[in-house]
Every structure is written in C-alpha cells, then in structure tokens.
Protein backbone atom coordinates (compact mmCIF):
# COMPACT_ATOMS: atom_id res chain seq x y z
CA MET A 1 10.35 -2.48 9.85
CA GLU A 2 10.81 -5.40 12.16
CA LYS A 3 12.55 -8.13 10.58
CA VAL A 4 11.07 -11.81 10.86
CA LEU A 5 14.21 -13.38 8.73
CA GLU A 6 17.46 -12.55 8.04
CA VAL A 7 19.30 -14.45 6.02
CA LYS A 8 23.69 -13.56 5.93
CA ASP A 9 26.33 -14.56 3.29
CA LEU A 10 25.15 -17.87 2.87
CA HIS A 11 27.27 -20.58 1.02
CA ILE A 12 26.15 -23.44 -0.32
CA HIS A 13 27.55 -26.37 -2.27
CA PHE A 14 26.57 -29.62 -3.79
CA ASN A 15 29.28 -32.54 -3.51
CA ALA A 16 28.64 -34.04 -7.38
CA PHE A 17 30.55 -36.83 -8.84
CA ALA A 18 32.35 -34.27 -11.21
CA GLY A 19 33.51 -32.07 -8.21
CA ALA A 20 31.60 -29.39 -5.90
CA VAL A 21 28.66 -27.39 -7.64
CA LYS A 22 28.71 -23.70 -5.65
CA ALA A 23 24.83 -23.47 -5.90
CA ILE A 24 24.96 -20.57 -3.15
CA ARG A 25 27.50 -17.94 -3.19
CA GLY A 26 27.04 -15.39 -0.91
CA VAL A 27 23.46 -14.52 -0.30
CA ASN A 28 21.54 -11.73 1.50
CA PHE A 29 18.27 -10.97 2.23
CA HIS A 30 15.90 -10.19 5.07
CA LEU A 31 11.69 -10.22 5.46
CA ASN A 32 10.25 -7.86 7.58
CA LYS A 33 7.03 -8.42 9.37
CA GLY A 34 4.06 -8.78 7.20
CA GLU A 35 5.14 -8.06 3.82
CA THR A 36 5.69 -10.57 0.46
CA ILE A 37 9.31 -10.34 -0.92
CA ALA A 38 9.75 -12.26 -4.11
CA ILE A 39 12.59 -14.18 -5.17
CA VAL A 40 13.08 -14.12 -9.37
CA GLY A 41 15.30 -15.88 -11.36
CA GLU A 42 15.96 -18.64 -13.98
CA SER A 43 15.46 -22.50 -13.17
CA GLY A 44 19.13 -23.05 -11.88
CA SER A 45 19.99 -19.68 -10.30
CA GLY A 46 19.30 -20.40 -6.70
CA LYS A 47 15.97 -19.86 -6.19
CA SER A 48 14.87 -22.71 -4.01
CA VAL A 49 18.28 -24.30 -2.55
CA THR A 50 18.12 -20.80 -0.83
CA THR A 51 14.43 -21.38 0.96
CA LYS A 52 15.15 -25.05 1.20
CA ALA A 53 17.86 -24.12 3.52
CA VAL A 54 15.62 -21.77 5.39
CA CYS A 55 13.66 -24.69 6.53
CA ARG A 56 16.52 -27.28 6.36
CA ILE A 57 15.69 -29.48 3.77
CA LEU A 58 18.58 -29.60 1.68
CA ALA A 59 19.49 -33.14 -0.04
CA GLU A 60 21.91 -34.97 1.38
CA ASN A 61 25.01 -33.86 -1.02
CA ALA A 62 24.60 -30.40 0.35
CA VAL A 63 26.75 -28.39 2.40
CA ILE A 64 26.65 -24.82 3.73
CA ASP A 65 29.70 -23.83 3.85
CA SER A 66 29.01 -20.75 5.80
CA GLY A 67 26.22 -17.98 7.02
CA THR A 68 23.79 -17.21 8.93
CA ILE A 69 19.81 -17.62 8.96
CA THR A 70 18.63 -15.98 11.69
CA TYR A 71 14.67 -16.49 12.37
CA GLU A 72 13.19 -14.37 15.21
CA GLY A 73 16.79 -13.28 16.90
CA LYS A 74 17.78 -17.49 16.44
CA ASP A 75 20.10 -19.01 14.48
CA LEU A 76 18.47 -21.62 12.82
CA LEU A 77 21.51 -23.01 11.39
CA ALA A 78 22.86 -23.48 15.13
CA MET A 79 20.45 -25.88 15.96
CA SER A 80 20.02 -29.53 16.50
CA ASN A 81 17.38 -31.10 14.51
CA LYS A 82 15.11 -32.08 17.57
CA GLU A 83 15.42 -28.37 17.98
CA PHE A 84 14.26 -27.16 14.87
CA VAL A 85 11.59 -29.70 14.11
CA ASP A 86 9.73 -26.87 16.15
CA ILE A 87 10.09 -24.93 13.94
CA ARG A 88 9.47 -26.12 10.57
CA GLY A 89 5.90 -26.14 10.38
CA ASN A 90 5.04 -24.41 13.34
CA GLU A 91 6.85 -21.25 12.96
CA ILE A 92 7.85 -21.19 9.10
CA GLY A 93 5.28 -23.31 6.15
CA LEU A 94 6.16 -24.52 3.12
CA ILE A 95 4.01 -24.35 0.20
CA PHE A 96 5.68 -26.81 -2.86
CA GLN A 97 4.92 -26.06 -6.42
CA ASP A 98 4.10 -29.34 -7.50
CA PRO A 99 0.96 -30.53 -5.67
CA LEU A 100 0.51 -34.44 -6.84
CA SER A 101 4.46 -34.78 -5.44
CA ALA A 102 3.72 -33.21 -2.07
CA LEU A 103 0.54 -35.18 -1.60
CA ASP A 104 0.63 -38.86 -0.69
CA PRO A 105 -1.60 -40.36 -3.08
CA VAL A 106 -2.94 -43.59 -1.15
CA MET A 107 -3.78 -41.21 2.15
CA LYS A 108 -7.13 -39.40 2.47
CA ILE A 109 -7.02 -35.80 2.03
CA GLY A 110 -8.22 -35.13 5.42
CA LYS A 111 -6.13 -37.69 6.96
CA GLN A 112 -3.13 -35.85 5.38
CA ILE A 113 -3.93 -32.65 6.90
CA THR A 114 -5.19 -33.91 10.63
CA GLU A 115 -1.94 -35.52 10.44
CA THR A 116 -0.14 -32.34 10.87
CA LEU A 117 -2.48 -31.02 13.32
CA ILE A 118 -1.89 -34.33 15.68
CA LEU A 119 1.57 -34.00 15.10
CA LYS A 120 2.33 -30.36 15.91
CA GLN A 121 -0.03 -29.19 17.70
CA LYS A 122 -0.74 -32.66 19.82
CA MET A 123 -4.77 -32.12 18.82
CA PRO A 124 -6.98 -34.98 20.08
CA LYS A 125 -8.15 -36.60 17.01
CA ALA A 126 -11.81 -34.87 16.93
CA GLU A 127 -10.74 -31.48 17.25
CA ALA A 128 -8.10 -31.77 14.62
CA LYS A 129 -10.98 -32.96 12.33
CA ALA A 130 -12.98 -30.02 13.20
CA ARG A 131 -9.78 -27.82 12.39
CA ALA A 132 -9.27 -29.68 9.01
CA LEU A 133 -12.65 -29.16 7.68
CA GLU A 134 -12.56 -25.49 8.97
CA LEU A 135 -9.27 -25.19 6.80
CA MET A 136 -10.50 -26.67 4.33
CA ALA A 137 -13.17 -24.49 3.78
CA ALA A 138 -10.89 -21.50 4.53
CA VAL A 139 -8.80 -22.42 1.66
CA GLY A 140 -11.91 -22.33 -0.68
CA ILE A 141 -13.02 -26.64 -0.79
CA PRO A 142 -16.33 -26.97 -1.58
CA ASN A 143 -18.52 -29.23 0.19
CA PRO A 144 -15.29 -30.42 2.67
CA GLU A 145 -17.02 -32.83 4.75
CA LYS A 146 -17.49 -34.92 1.80
CA ARG A 147 -14.10 -34.05 0.13
CA TYR A 148 -12.34 -35.01 3.83
CA GLU A 149 -13.06 -38.68 2.85
CA GLU A 150 -11.51 -38.41 -0.54
CA TYR A 151 -7.71 -39.29 -2.22
CA PRO A 152 -5.58 -36.46 -4.05
CA PHE A 153 -6.80 -38.02 -7.70
CA GLN A 154 -10.29 -36.82 -7.14
CA PHE A 155 -9.06 -33.25 -7.21
CA SER A 156 -8.33 -30.90 -9.88
CA GLY A 157 -4.78 -29.69 -9.65
CA GLY A 158 -5.93 -25.84 -8.22
CA MET A 159 -7.87 -28.04 -6.10
CA ARG A 160 -4.84 -29.86 -4.91
CA GLN A 161 -2.94 -26.87 -4.08
CA ARG A 162 -5.53 -25.68 -1.92
CA ILE A 163 -5.18 -29.00 -0.04
CA VAL A 164 -1.58 -28.27 0.36
CA ILE A 165 -2.19 -24.76 1.07
CA ALA A 166 -4.18 -26.07 4.12
CA ILE A 167 -1.82 -28.33 5.20
CA ALA A 168 0.91 -25.53 5.11
CA LEU A 169 -1.01 -23.13 6.89
CA ALA A 170 -2.42 -25.59 9.83
CA SER A 171 -0.29 -24.62 12.50
CA ASN A 172 -0.46 -21.16 12.22
CA PRO A 173 2.94 -20.42 10.90
CA LYS A 174 4.37 -16.72 10.90
CA VAL A 175 6.40 -17.14 7.80
CA LEU A 176 5.01 -18.35 4.66
CA ILE A 177 7.21 -20.14 1.35
CA CYS A 178 5.81 -20.66 -1.55
CA ASP A 179 7.53 -22.44 -4.06
CA GLU A 180 6.41 -21.36 -7.46
CA PRO A 181 2.87 -22.51 -5.73
CA THR A 182 1.40 -21.42 -9.34
CA THR A 183 3.73 -23.51 -12.59
CA ALA A 184 2.00 -25.98 -13.26
CA LEU A 185 -1.80 -24.76 -12.75
CA ASP A 186 -3.01 -23.02 -16.03
CA VAL A 187 -3.44 -18.98 -15.57
CA THR A 188 -7.16 -18.97 -14.62
CA ILE A 189 -6.34 -21.19 -11.59
CA GLN A 190 -3.23 -19.29 -10.92
CA SER A 191 -4.92 -16.32 -10.41
CA GLN A 192 -7.44 -17.76 -7.68
CA ILE A 193 -4.27 -19.59 -6.19
CA LEU A 194 -2.46 -15.89 -5.94
CA ASP A 195 -5.69 -14.47 -4.78
CA LEU A 196 -5.86 -16.95 -1.65
CA ILE A 197 -2.36 -16.52 -0.58
CA LYS A 198 -2.95 -12.77 -0.32
CA LYS A 199 -6.30 -13.43 0.97
CA LEU A 200 -4.98 -15.48 3.63
CA GLN A 201 -1.39 -13.31 4.44
CA LYS A 202 -4.09 -10.33 4.99
CA GLU A 203 -6.30 -12.61 7.06
CA ARG A 204 -3.25 -14.16 9.21
CA ASP A 205 -0.80 -11.42 9.12
CA LEU A 206 1.77 -13.75 7.36
CA SER A 207 5.43 -12.83 6.10
CA VAL A 208 5.62 -14.21 2.76
CA ILE A 209 8.44 -15.21 0.76
CA PHE A 210 7.54 -16.03 -3.14
CA ILE A 211 9.98 -18.17 -5.09
CA THR A 212 9.37 -18.17 -8.82
CA HIS A 213 10.55 -17.34 -11.92
CA ASP A 214 7.15 -15.32 -13.41
CA LEU A 215 7.44 -11.98 -12.78
CA GLY A 216 4.24 -11.14 -13.92
CA VAL A 217 3.36 -13.09 -10.51
CA VAL A 218 6.15 -10.93 -8.99
CA ALA A 219 4.13 -7.48 -9.92
CA ASN A 220 1.00 -8.87 -8.52
CA MET A 221 2.24 -10.50 -5.02
CA ALA A 222 5.94 -8.51 -3.59
CA ASP A 223 6.35 -5.59 -1.80
CA ARG A 224 10.55 -6.45 -2.62
CA VAL A 225 11.97 -8.36 -5.02
CA TYR A 226 15.61 -10.07 -5.18
CA VAL A 227 16.99 -10.93 -8.28
CA MET A 228 19.14 -13.86 -8.51
CA TYR A 229 21.59 -15.28 -10.96
CA ALA A 230 24.34 -17.91 -10.94
CA GLY A 231 24.06 -18.28 -6.72
CA LYS A 232 23.74 -14.46 -5.97
CA ILE A 233 21.66 -11.66 -5.40
CA VAL A 234 21.94 -9.11 -8.27
CA GLU A 235 19.56 -6.65 -8.15
CA GLN A 236 17.46 -5.93 -4.68
CA GLY A 237 14.37 -3.37 -4.67
CA THR A 238 10.77 -2.74 -4.08
CA VAL A 239 8.61 -3.93 -7.19
CA ASN A 240 8.38 -0.10 -8.62
CA GLU A 241 12.11 0.40 -8.85
CA VAL A 242 12.65 -3.12 -10.04
CA PHE A 243 10.02 -3.06 -12.91
CA TYR A 244 10.26 0.44 -14.02
CA ASP A 245 13.20 1.32 -12.83
CA PRO A 246 15.73 -1.93 -13.28
CA LYS A 247 19.23 -1.26 -13.40
CA HIS A 248 21.23 -4.42 -14.04
CA PRO A 249 21.53 -5.90 -17.40
CA TYR A 250 19.80 -9.59 -16.31
CA THR A 251 16.93 -7.96 -14.61
CA TRP A 252 16.81 -6.06 -18.38
CA ALA A 253 16.54 -9.53 -20.18
CA LEU A 254 14.23 -10.96 -17.59
CA LEU A 255 11.70 -8.43 -18.16
CA SER A 256 12.54 -8.11 -22.11
CA SER A 257 11.82 -11.32 -22.48
CA MET A 258 8.02 -11.24 -20.26
CA PRO A 259 4.72 -11.50 -22.13
CA GLY A 260 2.21 -9.33 -20.16
CA LEU A 261 -1.65 -8.14 -21.19
CA ASP A 262 0.20 -4.85 -22.37
CA THR A 263 2.17 -6.65 -24.77
CA GLU A 264 1.78 -5.47 -28.29
CA GLY A 265 1.55 -7.00 -31.36
CA LYS A 266 4.74 -5.32 -32.62
CA ASP A 267 6.48 -6.09 -29.46
CA GLU A 268 9.35 -8.33 -29.64
CA LEU A 269 9.91 -10.55 -26.71
CA GLU A 270 13.69 -11.59 -26.50
CA ALA A 271 15.54 -14.33 -25.65
CA ILE A 272 18.31 -14.19 -23.65
CA PRO A 273 21.24 -15.21 -25.33
CA GLY A 274 23.49 -18.54 -24.09
CA THR A 275 23.16 -20.46 -21.37
CA PRO A 276 23.07 -20.05 -17.50
CA PRO A 277 27.10 -20.67 -16.22
CA ASN A 278 28.69 -24.19 -15.19
CA MET A 279 28.63 -23.73 -11.40
CA LEU A 280 31.55 -26.24 -11.23
CA TYR A 281 33.75 -24.12 -12.34
CA PRO A 282 32.01 -20.50 -11.16
CA PRO A 283 33.37 -17.72 -13.79
CA VAL A 284 35.38 -14.83 -13.12
CA GLY A 285 34.21 -11.58 -12.73
CA ASP A 286 30.60 -10.99 -13.48
CA ALA A 287 28.99 -14.11 -13.92
CA PHE A 288 26.42 -12.31 -16.63
CA ALA A 289 28.77 -11.29 -18.43
CA PRO A 290 29.16 -13.98 -21.14
CA ARG A 291 25.76 -13.56 -21.65
CA ASN A 292 25.60 -9.77 -21.46
CA PRO A 293 25.99 -7.35 -24.40
CA TYR A 294 26.76 -4.14 -22.49
CA ALA A 295 29.45 -6.42 -21.04
CA MET A 296 32.96 -4.28 -20.41
CA LYS A 297 35.98 -6.14 -19.78
CA ILE A 298 36.26 -5.52 -16.03
CA ASP A 299 33.10 -7.69 -15.96
CA PHE A 300 35.44 -10.69 -17.35
CA GLU A 301 37.96 -10.28 -14.47
CA ARG A 302 36.19 -8.48 -11.54
CA GLU A 303 33.12 -9.29 -9.42
CA PRO A 304 31.00 -6.32 -8.91
CA PRO A 305 29.64 -5.54 -5.26
CA LEU A 306 26.50 -3.94 -4.99
CA PHE A 307 26.16 -0.41 -5.98
CA LYS A 308 23.12 1.76 -4.52
CA VAL A 309 21.07 3.41 -6.20
CA SER A 310 18.51 3.92 -3.49
CA ASP A 311 17.98 3.57 0.26
CA THR A 312 16.14 0.26 -1.00
CA HIS A 313 17.32 0.01 -4.49
CA TYR A 314 20.92 -2.30 -5.22
CA ALA A 315 22.40 -3.87 -8.36
CA ALA A 316 25.53 -5.69 -8.94
CA THR A 317 26.83 -3.94 -12.25
CA TRP A 318 29.85 -2.14 -13.16
CA LEU A 319 27.33 0.14 -15.33
CA LEU A 320 26.45 1.92 -11.84
CA HIS A 321 30.16 2.82 -11.32
CA PRO A 322 30.67 6.73 -11.63
CA ASP A 323 34.00 6.01 -14.17
CA ALA A 324 31.53 3.54 -16.52
CA PRO A 325 30.18 4.74 -19.76
CA LYS A 326 26.36 5.78 -19.92
CA THR A 327 24.58 2.80 -20.69
CA GLU A 328 20.18 3.15 -21.06
CA MET A 329 18.32 0.07 -20.43
CA PRO A 330 17.09 -1.39 -24.12
CA ALA A 331 14.79 1.06 -25.76
CA SER A 332 12.55 -1.50 -26.88
CA LEU A 333 11.87 -2.16 -22.97
CA LYS A 334 12.06 1.54 -21.66
CA LYS A 335 9.32 2.39 -24.54
CA ARG A 336 7.11 -0.84 -22.62
CA ILE A 337 7.70 0.69 -19.15
CA GLU A 338 6.57 4.21 -20.60
CA ARG A 339 3.39 2.84 -21.62
CA GLN A 340 2.90 0.58 -18.49
CA LEU A 341 3.39 3.63 -16.09
CA LYS A 342 1.12 6.07 -18.29
CA GLU A 343 -1.58 3.39 -17.93
CA ALA A 344 -1.09 2.91 -14.87
CA GLY A 345 -1.15 7.05 -14.16
CA GLU A 346 -4.01 7.23 -16.31
CA LEU A 347 -6.04 4.26 -13.99
CA ASN A 348 -5.19 5.66 -10.85
CA GLY A 349 -6.43 9.44 -12.44
C-alpha cells in the first residue's frame, strides 16, 4: 500500500516552569492512502500533541527534539513556514474537537468558509460563495443559502461541527485529521458526524487520522489502531487484532473500562487504577508498570521493545517475551470478547 504520511522516532518536550515535560518519546506510525487509522489513549497520553506536530501548530513552548514527519516524500519539519502554508489546509485538513472555539463567534458562517477558499484556493468571491454553499449542502446543512448569513451561536453543536468539517474540506485535502471531533456532542449527533466523515472519506478518497479516547468510535471508523500511553505507542494492529486479541495490559484496561451496547447488567466496568506518570520525570522501565497488576520486576527496570505478534500486530510488553510467565487477558474481558465474536458471527451467518 502507498504511504501518504509517516512519522518516525518523534520526540517532543514542553518547556515548563518546573522543567522539560517529555510529551512524545519516540513515536512511529504511518498512514496509507485511503485508510483510516485511530490513535487512542487517555487524556495526556500524547495523541493530540502528535497530530499538532504534523500540522505544525504546537504551542510556543514546544520543542521537537528529533524525528521526521514525511508527507508524500517531503519532510514537513524541514520546510520553512512559508513552504508549509501550502501544505496546511490544502493538503492536510484538521477538524478540532470544540467547534465553538474553532469558529469566530462574530463572523458569519458563510464568510468563514469563503475566507478559506479565497486564501487557499485564490478563488474570486462569487465563486467562493457558490463553493461554500456546495460544501454546506455536502455536510448536511439544511437551507444553506439562509444559514450562510448566520452566526455560530445560531447553530447547534452538531451543525457547528458540520461547518468545521466543511472548512476543513474546502481546499480538497488528501489527509484529514479528526481530533476528537465528537467529544462535545450527544450520542445521536456523534453517530451522525461519524457517518458523515465516513461518507465524505469514501467520496473523496481521503486518508484519515482519528484521535480519540472512545474505543467505541474506533471500532466503527478505523482500519488500524495505535494505542498510546505516556508519549509512546504501546500497541498497534488492525481493529480486529486490537479489539479481539489485545496483548498489552494497558489495552486490556482500556477495553475493560469501556461500556458498549453488548454490555450486560452483570458486567463490571473496571476503572484503571492509579494515575498517568508525571512526564517531568518519565519513569524507568515500562511507564504503565505502577498501574499494571501483571507487572514483573523487569517492568520497573527496563523499557520493553515492541514485540511482534503478527505482521501487522505489535505490543510493547515484557509479557510477550519468550521467558515471561504465560499471562492471559482478564477473564471478564475475555468473556466479553467471546460474546462479541459470537454475536458478530451470528450476524454474518
């Protein structure tokens, strides 16, 4: 498959009053043409920082220590700001999680879309307006001619998010980064927005990066999944591999804490014990070890490499070492996965 975007050995820290916060510690991932990858993990795991680095919109106190971000053979980090302006928006679009803060509250919706077209595509105003109306219709805004003249506060949360999607798609990008785009929406509207993104991806042959902490969203959207913890990728694989055959204790914990439509009344959702590490002082060994009931002595001494499970499935846990004691996922999670597989089989049969 053709790689559109590739991130290699990315290291980022933030200069804070107390010292350097090691936010990203050697992240590697790639995105193929036409596919959707999901990057999942708790808040603070480094998901959004990674994609902000791709778009070069990191905070002023962020420092990229090392690594490469390659888009269609071009090193984005080596580009000047002037060169990168032609990439951001035109080639790589971004949907933010809070549409209210992403939109200018005192500017009409129509103008916010046409500004993008005039700036990025050099369109005349009349053509930009016609294109903006097309985009509004494409993302499901009813009566676009009327709503073109309205302000963000006159739209619901779901409709504002549709406008943000229209702006992101205005320049026909090849890559679309969705940074928790359904966080502020209720469940029904979430579903509508996800369906819209899937529809637009198919129509436009988009390559999509989906950032989320909601594994339910991942199951519905992604082809492959990267699980992040403490600034590192700790597990990666296809959706089926990560959901039905997870290998890292952190992935087990995430799945065990996630409610689903198949969750039965007697099922217990388990909170992940403890708190994420303080990245001012990254822990020695496996960062998840203090919260991991399966941790061994080596977890507190040496950082695990990514062990190969299959050609597409890798996990950074010493439990996969040949000399490690045989350890299976929690019985409650195993039972739940077996039930999901059985139900899926019945639906397909």
